[in-house]
Amino acid sequence: MLDTARELIFREGVSTCTIEAVAHRSGVAKTTIYRHYGGLDELIFAAVAVDVSQAEVPDTGSLHGDLFQIQCNYVDSARAA
């Protein structure tokens, strides 16, 4: 599900990522997607979060700076979609 959602988001744009499209392309029932993610927003967040969690952990010298950089990485990933 997440791989399919990521593919839709990054290749065709976030507007093409729908529960129906993910279900159709992944072969997973819509009810399964809703059971795991609750809805489209949660699915998209989880798909984009994969890239953020795989990013190198920043070391800016402060907790505030590190958290800020992590947030910037998330925003950059979301904008790229």
Protein backbone atom coordinates (compact mmCIF):
# COMPACT_ATOMS: atom_id res chain seq x y z
CA MET A 1 0.00 0.00 0.00
CA LEU A 2 2.68 2.48 0.99
CA ASP A 3 4.84 1.71 -2.03
CA THR A 4 1.86 2.24 -4.32
CA ALA A 5 0.92 5.48 -2.57
CA ARG A 6 4.51 6.73 -2.77
CA GLU A 7 4.67 5.87 -6.47
CA LEU A 8 1.46 7.78 -7.18
CA ILE A 9 2.55 10.79 -5.15
CA PHE A 10 6.06 11.08 -6.52
CA ARG A 11 5.32 10.22 -10.16
CA GLU A 12 1.91 11.75 -10.72
CA GLY A 13 1.31 14.16 -7.84
CA VAL A 14 -0.53 14.01 -4.56
CA SER A 15 -3.88 14.76 -6.18
CA THR A 16 -3.77 11.40 -7.99
CA CYS A 17 -3.29 9.49 -4.75
CA THR A 18 -6.75 8.34 -3.77
CA ILE A 19 -7.86 5.35 -1.74
CA GLU A 20 -9.43 3.94 -4.90
CA ALA A 21 -6.25 4.38 -6.96
CA VAL A 22 -4.06 2.79 -4.29
CA ALA A 23 -6.48 -0.11 -3.87
CA HIS A 24 -6.69 -0.68 -7.61
CA ARG A 25 -2.95 -0.50 -8.28
CA SER A 26 -1.85 -2.46 -5.21
CA GLY A 27 -4.56 -5.11 -5.32
CA VAL A 28 -5.45 -4.39 -1.70
CA ALA A 29 -9.06 -3.89 -0.67
CA LYS A 30 -10.14 -0.36 0.25
CA THR A 31 -11.33 -1.65 3.62
CA THR A 32 -7.80 -2.87 4.36
CA ILE A 33 -6.37 0.56 3.61
CA TYR A 34 -8.94 2.22 5.86
CA ARG A 35 -8.27 -0.33 8.60
CA HIS A 36 -4.53 0.36 8.55
CA TYR A 37 -4.53 4.11 7.97
CA GLY A 38 -7.99 5.41 8.77
CA GLY A 39 -8.17 7.57 5.67
CA LEU A 40 -6.36 9.26 2.84
CA ASP A 41 -4.55 11.89 4.93
CA GLU A 42 -3.02 9.26 7.18
CA LEU A 43 -2.00 7.13 4.19
CA ILE A 44 -0.29 10.07 2.46
CA PHE A 45 1.44 11.08 5.70
CA ALA A 46 2.73 7.53 6.20
CA ALA A 47 3.96 7.33 2.60
CA VAL A 48 5.88 10.60 2.85
CA ALA A 49 7.14 9.81 6.36
CA VAL A 50 9.04 6.83 4.94
CA ASP A 51 11.41 9.21 3.15
CA VAL A 52 11.79 11.42 6.21
CA SER A 53 12.57 8.48 8.50
CA GLN A 54 15.21 7.20 6.06
CA ALA A 55 16.94 10.58 5.90
CA GLU A 56 20.21 11.08 7.68
CA VAL A 57 19.73 12.25 11.26
CA PRO A 58 20.84 15.87 11.50
CA ASP A 59 23.40 16.99 14.07
CA THR A 60 23.18 20.75 14.32
CA GLY A 61 24.58 20.89 17.81
CA SER A 62 21.27 21.50 19.56
CA LEU A 63 18.03 19.64 20.07
CA HIS A 64 16.07 22.62 18.77
CA GLY A 65 18.19 22.75 15.61
CA ASP A 66 17.93 19.00 15.05
CA LEU A 67 14.14 19.02 15.41
CA PHE A 68 13.88 22.04 13.14
CA GLN A 69 15.96 20.29 10.47
CA ILE A 70 13.86 17.12 10.74
CA GLN A 71 10.74 19.22 10.18
CA CYS A 72 12.38 20.92 7.20
CA ASN A 73 13.19 17.49 5.74
CA TYR A 74 9.55 16.48 6.09
CA VAL A 75 8.32 19.66 4.43
CA ASP A 76 10.81 19.23 1.59
CA SER A 77 9.62 15.65 1.01
CA ALA A 78 5.99 16.73 1.03
CA ARG A 79 6.67 19.59 -1.41
CA ALA A 80 8.48 17.26 -3.77
CA ALA A 81 5.27 15.25 -4.00
